[in-house]
């Protein structure tokens, strides 16, 4: 899991992009961007899974979330 990687957040039930990671009290925590909510939050590593493992987390769904979260000009 490296910055820029796309995973599925079990806590938010949506794809997320890793921004950074840190160790907090011995647990690996990732700072992730949630395009569906257009927000950044922290998620424990054990609460993230590969996109391929989550049914319905397709590339089309991911692209739709990114498009929705982009500001209008």
PDB file of N, CA and C in Angstrom:
ATOM      1  N   UNK A   1       0.843  -1.168   0.000  1.00  0.00           N
ATOM      2  CA  UNK A   1       0.000   0.000   0.000  1.00  0.00           C
ATOM      3  C   UNK A   1       0.894   1.238   0.000  1.00  0.00           C
ATOM      4  N   UNK A   2       0.856   1.938  -1.108  1.00  0.00           N
ATOM      5  CA  UNK A   2       1.700   3.114  -1.262  1.00  0.00           C
ATOM      6  C   UNK A   2       0.850   4.318  -1.670  1.00  0.00           C
ATOM      7  N   UNK A   3       1.350   5.534  -1.429  1.00  0.00           N
ATOM      8  CA  UNK A   3       0.597   6.717  -1.850  1.00  0.00           C
ATOM      9  C   UNK A   3       0.229   6.629  -3.336  1.00  0.00           C
ATOM     10  N   UNK A   4      -1.020   6.963  -3.614  1.00  0.00           N
ATOM     11  CA  UNK A   4      -1.529   6.885  -4.978  1.00  0.00           C
ATOM     12  C   UNK A   4      -2.302   5.613  -5.257  1.00  0.00           C
ATOM     13  N   UNK A   5      -2.132   4.593  -4.413  1.00  0.00           N
ATOM     14  CA  UNK A   5      -2.840   3.320  -4.591  1.00  0.00           C
ATOM     15  C   UNK A   5      -4.326   3.488  -4.296  1.00  0.00           C
ATOM     16  N   UNK A   6      -5.136   2.715  -5.003  1.00  0.00           N
ATOM     17  CA  UNK A   6      -6.578   2.708  -4.777  1.00  0.00           C
ATOM     18  C   UNK A   6      -6.965   1.434  -4.046  1.00  0.00           C
ATOM     19  N   UNK A   7      -7.743   1.578  -2.982  1.00  0.00           N
ATOM     20  CA  UNK A   7      -8.213   0.460  -2.180  1.00  0.00           C
ATOM     21  C   UNK A   7      -9.699   0.662  -1.886  1.00  0.00           C
ATOM     22  N   UNK A   8     -10.272  -0.287  -1.165  1.00  0.00           N
ATOM     23  CA  UNK A   8     -11.666  -0.174  -0.742  1.00  0.00           C
ATOM     24  C   UNK A   8     -11.686  -0.003   0.768  1.00  0.00           C
ATOM     25  N   UNK A   9     -12.370   1.041   1.244  1.00  0.00           N
ATOM     26  CA  UNK A   9     -12.512   1.270   2.679  1.00  0.00           C
ATOM     27  C   UNK A   9     -13.740   0.521   3.181  1.00  0.00           C
ATOM     28  N   UNK A  10     -13.522  -0.412   4.080  1.00  0.00           N
ATOM     29  CA  UNK A  10     -14.638  -1.150   4.672  1.00  0.00           C
ATOM     30  C   UNK A  10     -15.492  -0.234   5.549  1.00  0.00           C
ATOM     31  N   UNK A  11     -14.858   0.746   6.178  1.00  0.00           N
ATOM     32  CA  UNK A  11     -15.590   1.665   7.056  1.00  0.00           C
ATOM     33  C   UNK A  11     -16.510   2.605   6.279  1.00  0.00           C
ATOM     34  N   UNK A  12     -16.138   2.935   5.049  1.00  0.00           N
ATOM     35  CA  UNK A  12     -16.901   3.902   4.262  1.00  0.00           C
ATOM     36  C   UNK A  12     -17.602   3.263   3.068  1.00  0.00           C
ATOM     37  N   UNK A  13     -17.342   1.973   2.838  1.00  0.00           N
ATOM     38  CA  UNK A  13     -17.942   1.206   1.757  1.00  0.00           C
ATOM     39  C   UNK A  13     -17.797   1.898   0.398  1.00  0.00           C
ATOM     40  N   UNK A  14     -16.558   2.333   0.128  1.00  0.00           N
ATOM     41  CA  UNK A  14     -16.274   2.976  -1.149  1.00  0.00           C
ATOM     42  C   UNK A  14     -14.779   2.942  -1.440  1.00  0.00           C
ATOM     43  N   UNK A  15     -14.426   3.134  -2.710  1.00  0.00           N
ATOM     44  CA  UNK A  15     -13.006   3.203  -3.056  1.00  0.00           C
ATOM     45  C   UNK A  15     -12.372   4.423  -2.399  1.00  0.00           C
ATOM     46  N   UNK A  16     -11.068   4.304  -2.133  1.00  0.00           N
ATOM     47  CA  UNK A  16     -10.327   5.427  -1.574  1.00  0.00           C
ATOM     48  C   UNK A  16      -8.909   5.396  -2.119  1.00  0.00           C
ATOM     49  N   UNK A  17      -8.282   6.565  -2.127  1.00  0.00           N
ATOM     50  CA  UNK A  17      -6.911   6.672  -2.610  1.00  0.00           C
ATOM     51  C   UNK A  17      -6.003   7.018  -1.445  1.00  0.00           C
ATOM     52  N   UNK A  18      -4.907   6.265  -1.319  1.00  0.00           N
ATOM     53  CA  UNK A  18      -3.964   6.510  -0.227  1.00  0.00           C
ATOM     54  C   UNK A  18      -3.186   7.785  -0.505  1.00  0.00           C
ATOM     55  N   UNK A  19      -3.127   8.634   0.514  1.00  0.00           N
ATOM     56  CA  UNK A  19      -2.348   9.870   0.443  1.00  0.00           C
ATOM     57  C   UNK A  19      -1.029   9.690   1.182  1.00  0.00           C
ATOM     58  N   UNK A  20      -1.093   9.135   2.381  1.00  0.00           N
ATOM     59  CA  UNK A  20       0.110   8.933   3.190  1.00  0.00           C
ATOM     60  C   UNK A  20      -0.169   7.879   4.248  1.00  0.00           C
ATOM     61  N   UNK A  21       0.888   7.479   4.953  1.00  0.00           N
ATOM     62  CA  UNK A  21       0.715   6.515   6.043  1.00  0.00           C
ATOM     63  C   UNK A  21       1.557   6.932   7.236  1.00  0.00           C
ATOM     64  N   UNK A  22       1.148   6.436   8.388  1.00  0.00           N
ATOM     65  CA  UNK A  22       1.880   6.691   9.621  1.00  0.00           C
ATOM     66  C   UNK A  22       1.609   5.545  10.584  1.00  0.00           C
ATOM     67  N   UNK A  23       2.445   5.435  11.592  1.00  0.00           N
ATOM     68  CA  UNK A  23       2.216   4.447  12.637  1.00  0.00           C
ATOM     69  C   UNK A  23       1.782   5.191  13.886  1.00  0.00           C
ATOM     70  N   UNK A  24       0.626   4.798  14.405  1.00  0.00           N
ATOM     71  CA  UNK A  24       0.062   5.453  15.575  1.00  0.00           C
ATOM     72  C   UNK A  24      -0.220   4.386  16.623  1.00  0.00           C
ATOM     73  N   UNK A  25       0.437   4.471  17.756  1.00  0.00           N
ATOM     74  CA  UNK A  25       0.306   3.486  18.828  1.00  0.00           C
ATOM     75  C   UNK A  25       0.513   2.063  18.313  1.00  0.00           C
ATOM     76  N   UNK A  26       1.494   1.908  17.434  1.00  0.00           N
ATOM     77  CA  UNK A  26       1.858   0.593  16.919  1.00  0.00           C
ATOM     78  C   UNK A  26       0.973   0.078  15.796  1.00  0.00           C
ATOM     79  N   UNK A  27       0.027   0.869  15.326  1.00  0.00           N
ATOM     80  CA  UNK A  27      -0.876   0.451  14.256  1.00  0.00           C
ATOM     81  C   UNK A  27      -0.659   1.329  13.031  1.00  0.00           C
ATOM     82  N   UNK A  28      -0.615   0.683  11.852  1.00  0.00           N
ATOM     83  CA  UNK A  28      -0.452   1.446  10.620  1.00  0.00           C
ATOM     84  C   UNK A  28      -1.780   2.101  10.240  1.00  0.00           C
ATOM     85  N   UNK A  29      -1.716   3.407  10.048  1.00  0.00           N
ATOM     86  CA  UNK A  29      -2.887   4.214   9.716  1.00  0.00           C
ATOM     87  C   UNK A  29      -2.619   4.904   8.379  1.00  0.00           C
ATOM     88  N   UNK A  30      -3.622   4.916   7.513  1.00  0.00           N
ATOM     89  CA  UNK A  30      -3.488   5.575   6.226  1.00  0.00           C
ATOM     90  C   UNK A  30      -4.381   6.802   6.167  1.00  0.00           C
ATOM     91  N   UNK A  31      -3.838   7.862   5.628  1.00  0.00           N
ATOM     92  CA  UNK A  31      -4.613   9.046   5.309  1.00  0.00           C
ATOM     93  C   UNK A  31      -5.117   8.806   3.885  1.00  0.00           C
ATOM     94  N   UNK A  32      -6.434   8.796   3.690  1.00  0.00           N
ATOM     95  CA  UNK A  32      -7.012   8.464   2.391  1.00  0.00           C
ATOM     96  C   UNK A  32      -7.984   9.544   1.936  1.00  0.00           C
ATOM     97  N   UNK A  33      -8.134   9.634   0.617  1.00  0.00           N
ATOM     98  CA  UNK A  33      -9.128  10.521   0.007  1.00  0.00           C
ATOM     99  C   UNK A  33     -10.319   9.673  -0.390  1.00  0.00           C
ATOM    100  N   UNK A  34     -11.501  10.087   0.018  1.00  0.00           N
ATOM    101  CA  UNK A  34     -12.748   9.418  -0.330  1.00  0.00           C
ATOM    102  C   UNK A  34     -13.441  10.253  -1.406  1.00  0.00           C
ATOM    103  N   UNK A  35     -13.341   9.858  -2.671  1.00  0.00           N
ATOM    104  CA  UNK A  35     -13.925  10.682  -3.735  1.00  0.00           C
ATOM    105  C   UNK A  35     -15.445  10.792  -3.652  1.00  0.00           C
ATOM    106  N   UNK A  36     -16.110   9.779  -3.117  1.00  0.00           N
ATOM    107  CA  UNK A  36     -17.568   9.826  -3.006  1.00  0.00           C
ATOM    108  C   UNK A  36     -18.056  10.905  -2.057  1.00  0.00           C
ATOM    109  N   UNK A  37     -17.216  11.275  -1.099  1.00  0.00           N
ATOM    110  CA  UNK A  37     -17.559  12.322  -0.135  1.00  0.00           C
ATOM    111  C   UNK A  37     -16.678  13.551  -0.319  1.00  0.00           C
ATOM    112  N   UNK A  38     -15.693  13.429  -1.223  1.00  0.00           N
ATOM    113  CA  UNK A  38     -14.699  14.474  -1.458  1.00  0.00           C
ATOM    114  C   UNK A  38     -14.109  14.966  -0.140  1.00  0.00           C
ATOM    115  N   UNK A  39     -13.621  13.995   0.637  1.00  0.00           N
ATOM    116  CA  UNK A  39     -13.050  14.306   1.941  1.00  0.00           C
ATOM    117  C   UNK A  39     -11.820  13.434   2.174  1.00  0.00           C
ATOM    118  N   UNK A  40     -11.007  13.851   3.116  1.00  0.00           N
ATOM    119  CA  UNK A  40      -9.817  13.105   3.521  1.00  0.00           C
ATOM    120  C   UNK A  40     -10.024  12.649   4.953  1.00  0.00           C
ATOM    121  N   UNK A  41      -9.660  11.393   5.228  1.00  0.00           N
ATOM    122  CA  UNK A  41      -9.813  10.848   6.578  1.00  0.00           C
ATOM    123  C   UNK A  41      -8.720   9.823   6.837  1.00  0.00           C
ATOM    124  N   UNK A  42      -8.625   9.359   8.048  1.00  0.00           N
ATOM    125  CA  UNK A  42      -7.663   8.312   8.410  1.00  0.00           C
ATOM    126  C   UNK A  42      -8.395   6.983   8.566  1.00  0.00           C
ATOM    127  N   UNK A  43      -7.742   5.922   8.076  1.00  0.00           N
ATOM    128  CA  UNK A  43      -8.328   4.584   8.139  1.00  0.00           C
ATOM    129  C   UNK A  43      -7.227   3.606   8.548  1.00  0.00           C
ATOM    130  N   UNK A  44      -7.531   2.711   9.476  1.00  0.00           N
ATOM    131  CA  UNK A  44      -6.578   1.680   9.888  1.00  0.00           C
ATOM    132  C   UNK A  44      -6.326   0.716   8.723  1.00  0.00           C
ATOM    133  N   UNK A  45      -5.093   0.259   8.595  1.00  0.00           N
ATOM    134  CA  UNK A  45      -4.700  -0.613   7.486  1.00  0.00           C
ATOM    135  C   UNK A  45      -5.586  -1.851   7.378  1.00  0.00           C
ATOM    136  N   UNK A  46      -5.982  -2.432   8.515  1.00  0.00           N
ATOM    137  CA  UNK A  46      -6.784  -3.661   8.470  1.00  0.00           C
ATOM    138  C   UNK A  46      -8.218  -3.412   7.988  1.00  0.00           C
ATOM    139  N   UNK A  47      -8.599  -2.140   7.825  1.00  0.00           N
ATOM    140  CA  UNK A  47      -9.942  -1.795   7.334  1.00  0.00           C
ATOM    141  C   UNK A  47      -9.935  -1.437   5.845  1.00  0.00           C
ATOM    142  N   UNK A  48      -8.796  -1.700   5.172  1.00  0.00           N
ATOM    143  CA  UNK A  48      -8.666  -1.449   3.743  1.00  0.00           C
ATOM    144  C   UNK A  48      -8.431  -2.774   3.011  1.00  0.00           C
ATOM    145  N   UNK A  49      -9.103  -2.947   1.871  1.00  0.00           N
ATOM    146  CA  UNK A  49      -8.940  -4.167   1.075  1.00  0.00           C
ATOM    147  C   UNK A  49      -8.701  -3.779  -0.379  1.00  0.00           C
ATOM    148  N   UNK A  50      -8.104  -4.675  -1.164  1.00  0.00           N
ATOM    149  CA  UNK A  50      -7.925  -4.389  -2.593  1.00  0.00           C
ATOM    150  C   UNK A  50      -9.278  -4.195  -3.271  1.00  0.00           C
ATOM    151  N   UNK A  51      -9.323  -3.327  -4.268  1.00  0.00           N
ATOM    152  CA  UNK A  51     -10.573  -3.083  -4.982  1.00  0.00           C
ATOM    153  C   UNK A  51     -11.124  -4.355  -5.604  1.00  0.00           C
ATOM    154  N   UNK A  52     -10.274  -5.216  -6.084  1.00  0.00           N
ATOM    155  CA  UNK A  52     -10.718  -6.449  -6.740  1.00  0.00           C
ATOM    156  C   UNK A  52     -11.474  -7.369  -5.790  1.00  0.00           C
ATOM    157  N   UNK A  53     -11.271  -7.209  -4.482  1.00  0.00           N
ATOM    158  CA  UNK A  53     -11.942  -8.060  -3.499  1.00  0.00           C
ATOM    159  C   UNK A  53     -13.374  -7.621  -3.216  1.00  0.00           C
ATOM    160  N   UNK A  54     -13.717  -6.410  -3.587  1.00  0.00           N
ATOM    161  CA  UNK A  54     -15.034  -5.876  -3.260  1.00  0.00           C
ATOM    162  C   UNK A  54     -15.944  -5.925  -4.478  1.00  0.00           C
ATOM    163  N   UNK A  55     -17.025  -6.617  -4.359  1.00  0.00           N
ATOM    164  CA  UNK A  55     -17.991  -6.729  -5.451  1.00  0.00           C
ATOM    165  C   UNK A  55     -18.593  -5.359  -5.756  1.00  0.00           C
ATOM    166  N   UNK A  56     -18.612  -5.011  -7.028  1.00  0.00           N
ATOM    167  CA  UNK A  56     -19.185  -3.743  -7.439  1.00  0.00           C
ATOM    168  C   UNK A  56     -18.203  -2.582  -7.428  1.00  0.00           C
ATOM    169  N   UNK A  57     -16.989  -2.785  -6.937  1.00  0.00           N
ATOM    170  CA  UNK A  57     -15.988  -1.720  -6.961  1.00  0.00           C
ATOM    171  C   UNK A  57     -15.230  -1.795  -8.278  1.00  0.00           C
ATOM    172  N   UNK A  58     -15.851  -1.320  -9.308  1.00  0.00           N
ATOM    173  CA  UNK A  58     -15.260  -1.394 -10.636  1.00  0.00           C
ATOM    174  C   UNK A  58     -14.571  -0.090 -10.981  1.00  0.00           C
ATOM    175  N   UNK A  59     -13.799  -0.129 -12.042  1.00  0.00           N
ATOM    176  CA  UNK A  59     -13.139   1.070 -12.514  1.00  0.00           C
ATOM    177  C   UNK A  59     -14.172   2.130 -12.901  1.00  0.00           C
ATOM    178  N   UNK A  60     -15.266   1.716 -13.521  1.00  0.00           N
ATOM    179  CA  UNK A  60     -16.316   2.673 -13.894  1.00  0.00           C
ATOM    180  C   UNK A  60     -16.890   3.369 -12.667  1.00  0.00           C
ATOM    181  N   UNK A  61     -17.116   2.613 -11.590  1.00  0.00           N
ATOM    182  CA  UNK A  61     -17.649   3.210 -10.364  1.00  0.00           C
ATOM    183  C   UNK A  61     -16.644   4.210  -9.793  1.00  0.00           C
ATOM    184  N   UNK A  62     -15.379   3.839  -9.804  1.00  0.00           N
ATOM    185  CA  UNK A  62     -14.330   4.712  -9.293  1.00  0.00           C
ATOM    186  C   UNK A  62     -14.258   5.998 -10.106  1.00  0.00           C
ATOM    187  N   UNK A  63     -14.277   5.880 -11.417  1.00  0.00           N
ATOM    188  CA  UNK A  63     -14.224   7.063 -12.268  1.00  0.00           C
ATOM    189  C   UNK A  63     -15.453   7.948 -12.070  1.00  0.00           C
ATOM    190  N   UNK A  64     -16.600   7.352 -11.858  1.00  0.00           N
ATOM    191  CA  UNK A  64     -17.815   8.127 -11.602  1.00  0.00           C
ATOM    192  C   UNK A  64     -17.689   8.928 -10.307  1.00  0.00           C
ATOM    193  N   UNK A  65     -17.155   8.302  -9.273  1.00  0.00           N
ATOM    194  CA  UNK A  65     -16.983   9.000  -8.000  1.00  0.00           C
ATOM    195  C   UNK A  65     -16.013  10.164  -8.143  1.00  0.00           C
ATOM    196  N   UNK A  66     -14.933   9.951  -8.895  1.00  0.00           N
ATOM    197  CA  UNK A  66     -13.957  11.014  -9.090  1.00  0.00           C
ATOM    198  C   UNK A  66     -14.592  12.167  -9.858  1.00  0.00           C
ATOM    199  N   UNK A  67     -15.349  11.842 -10.893  1.00  0.00           N
ATOM    200  CA  UNK A  67     -15.991  12.881 -11.689  1.00  0.00           C
ATOM    201  C   UNK A  67     -16.992  13.680 -10.852  1.00  0.00           C
ATOM    202  N   UNK A  68     -17.751  13.015 -10.027  1.00  0.00           N
ATOM    203  CA  UNK A  68     -18.740  13.681  -9.173  1.00  0.00           C
ATOM    204  C   UNK A  68     -18.059  14.624  -8.179  1.00  0.00           C
ATOM    205  N   UNK A  69     -16.889  14.233  -7.683  1.00  0.00           N
ATOM    206  CA  UNK A  69     -16.229  15.014  -6.647  1.00  0.00           C
ATOM    207  C   UNK A  69     -15.442  16.205  -7.194  1.00  0.00           C
ATOM    208  N   UNK A  70     -15.245  16.249  -8.518  1.00  0.00           N
ATOM    209  CA  UNK A  70     -14.500  17.377  -9.091  1.00  0.00           C
ATOM    210  C   UNK A  70     -15.351  18.641  -9.006  1.00  0.00           C
ATOM    211  N   UNK A  71     -14.712  19.766  -8.627  1.00  0.00           N
ATOM    212  CA  UNK A  71     -15.464  21.018  -8.556  1.00  0.00           C
ATOM    213  C   UNK A  71     -15.864  21.484  -9.956  1.00  0.00           C
ATOM    214  N   UNK A  72     -17.006  22.111 -10.045  1.00  0.00           N
ATOM    215  CA  UNK A  72     -17.445  22.652 -11.327  1.00  0.00           C
ATOM    216  C   UNK A  72     -16.733  23.964 -11.590  1.00  0.00           C
ATOM    217  N   UNK A  73     -16.525  24.233 -12.840  1.00  0.00           N
ATOM    218  CA  UNK A  73     -15.793  25.461 -13.209  1.00  0.00           C
ATOM    219  C   UNK A  73     -16.673  26.426 -13.919  1.00  0.00           C
TER     220      UNK A  73
END
